[in-house]
Amino acid sequence: MSTKYIKPTESELEILQVLWEKKTASVREVHEELSKTKEAGYTTTLKLMQIMFEKGLVKRDSSMKTHFYQPAVSREKTQKHMLGKMIDTLFGGSSTQLVMQALGNHNTTPEELEEIRKLIDNLKKD
């Protein structure tokens, strides 16, 4: 049985980024990370993480007084799904248009260009 993909909101993605980096964290730890870059109330972070648990985006260990959360969705699967949706809706299904837009509006380093070259070479082999 295939599970329906739940698209995280922008705020949920920010929380997932923290959890992907830390692997497991309390609400307080996530809140402290988010507070470094944006105004966020603790209760808002708590509520969002509770909603994310209900949606199945995170797992929660409730065995101790402090609940610890882990991502229930992988970074790679989330990126792949959201990028696929974006290519379909924003670039008319053209990954070429996406890449052209990304490279044209971003200061790409020589190292990044080399990684892109390697990726293209590997795609040509397949």
Protein backbone atom coordinates (compact mmCIF):
# COMPACT_ATOMS: atom_id res chain seq x y z
CA MET A 1 0.00 0.00 0.00
CA SER A 2 1.49 3.33 -1.00
CA THR A 3 1.33 6.16 1.48
CA LYS A 4 0.16 9.55 0.28
CA TYR A 5 2.93 12.14 0.27
CA ILE A 6 2.28 15.00 2.69
CA LYS A 7 3.75 18.24 1.41
CA PRO A 8 5.40 20.17 4.25
CA THR A 9 4.65 23.88 4.57
CA GLU A 10 7.51 26.38 4.49
CA SER A 11 7.61 26.52 8.30
CA GLU A 12 7.51 22.74 8.52
CA LEU A 13 10.41 22.53 6.07
CA GLU A 14 12.45 24.83 8.31
CA ILE A 15 11.82 22.48 11.24
CA LEU A 16 12.66 19.45 9.11
CA GLN A 17 15.96 21.10 8.09
CA VAL A 18 16.91 21.31 11.78
CA LEU A 19 15.87 17.71 12.42
CA TRP A 20 17.68 16.41 9.34
CA GLU A 21 20.87 18.05 10.63
CA LYS A 22 20.49 17.04 14.29
CA LYS A 23 18.82 13.62 13.67
CA THR A 24 16.86 14.02 16.94
CA ALA A 25 15.97 17.13 18.94
CA SER A 26 13.60 18.54 21.53
CA VAL A 27 11.19 21.36 20.72
CA ARG A 28 13.47 23.71 22.67
CA GLU A 29 16.52 22.71 20.57
CA VAL A 30 14.59 23.18 17.33
CA HIS A 31 13.23 26.51 18.56
CA GLU A 32 16.74 27.74 19.47
CA GLU A 33 18.00 26.88 15.97
CA LEU A 34 15.07 28.61 14.28
CA SER A 35 15.49 31.69 16.49
CA LYS A 36 18.99 32.23 15.05
CA THR A 37 17.50 33.23 11.70
CA LYS A 38 13.90 34.30 12.32
CA GLU A 39 11.44 35.51 14.90
CA ALA A 40 9.68 32.44 16.20
CA GLY A 41 7.68 31.94 19.36
CA TYR A 42 8.32 28.76 21.35
CA THR A 43 4.62 27.90 21.49
CA THR A 44 4.37 28.31 17.71
CA THR A 45 7.28 25.89 17.21
CA LEU A 46 5.69 23.46 19.68
CA LYS A 47 2.30 23.61 17.93
CA LEU A 48 3.88 23.16 14.49
CA MET A 49 5.82 20.12 15.67
CA GLN A 50 2.68 18.61 17.21
CA ILE A 51 0.85 19.12 13.90
CA MET A 52 3.83 17.61 12.04
CA PHE A 53 3.62 14.56 14.33
CA GLU A 54 -0.10 14.18 13.59
CA LYS A 55 0.60 14.49 9.84
CA GLY A 56 3.36 11.86 10.04
CA LEU A 57 6.21 14.22 9.09
CA VAL A 58 8.06 13.61 12.37
CA LYS A 59 8.30 10.82 14.95
CA ARG A 60 8.13 11.58 18.65
CA ASP A 61 9.74 9.76 21.57
CA SER A 62 7.44 10.39 24.54
CA SER A 63 9.21 8.03 26.94
CA MET A 64 10.78 10.88 28.93
CA LYS A 65 9.42 14.14 30.31
CA THR A 66 10.99 16.03 27.40
CA HIS A 67 9.71 14.77 24.05
CA PHE A 68 12.32 14.23 21.36
CA TYR A 69 11.46 14.39 17.68
CA GLN A 70 13.02 12.80 14.61
CA PRO A 71 12.20 13.34 10.95
CA ALA A 72 9.81 10.70 9.60
CA VAL A 73 10.49 11.72 5.99
CA SER A 74 13.89 11.70 4.33
CA ARG A 75 15.52 14.85 3.02
CA GLU A 76 16.16 13.20 -0.35
CA LYS A 77 12.57 12.00 -0.85
CA THR A 78 11.20 15.39 0.20
CA GLN A 79 13.58 17.25 -2.13
CA LYS A 80 12.76 14.91 -5.01
CA HIS A 81 9.01 15.23 -4.55
CA MET A 82 8.99 19.01 -4.09
CA LEU A 83 11.40 19.57 -6.97
CA GLY A 84 9.31 17.36 -9.25
CA LYS A 85 6.20 19.37 -8.36
CA MET A 86 8.06 22.64 -8.93
CA ILE A 87 9.39 21.51 -12.33
CA ASP A 88 5.88 20.48 -13.38
CA THR A 89 4.07 23.59 -12.16
CA LEU A 90 6.65 26.34 -12.56
CA PHE A 91 8.75 25.17 -15.50
CA GLY A 92 6.16 23.30 -17.58
CA GLY A 93 7.86 19.97 -16.90
CA SER A 94 11.21 21.16 -18.28
CA SER A 95 14.17 20.37 -16.04
CA THR A 96 16.33 22.24 -18.58
CA GLN A 97 14.43 25.46 -17.85
CA LEU A 98 14.91 24.89 -14.12
CA VAL A 99 18.67 24.43 -14.49
CA MET A 100 19.02 27.41 -16.83
CA GLN A 101 17.11 29.62 -14.38
CA ALA A 102 19.11 28.35 -11.39
CA LEU A 103 22.49 28.83 -13.07
CA GLY A 104 21.55 32.16 -14.61
CA ASN A 105 20.48 33.73 -11.32
CA HIS A 106 23.05 32.26 -8.98
CA ASN A 107 26.76 32.81 -8.53
CA THR A 108 27.89 29.26 -9.26
CA THR A 109 31.38 28.42 -7.98
CA PRO A 110 33.91 26.58 -10.15
CA GLU A 111 33.57 23.63 -7.73
CA GLU A 112 29.80 23.55 -8.23
CA LEU A 113 30.22 23.71 -12.01
CA GLU A 114 32.63 20.76 -11.83
CA GLU A 115 30.08 18.77 -9.81
CA ILE A 116 27.43 19.62 -12.43
CA ARG A 117 29.82 18.49 -15.21
CA LYS A 118 30.39 15.17 -13.41
CA LEU A 119 26.63 14.69 -13.00
CA ILE A 120 26.04 15.38 -16.70
CA ASP A 121 28.84 12.98 -17.67
CA ASN A 122 27.31 10.26 -15.47
CA LEU A 123 23.86 10.89 -16.96
CA LYS A 124 25.33 10.55 -20.47
CA LYS A 125 26.81 7.15 -19.55
CA ASP A 126 23.42 5.86 -18.43
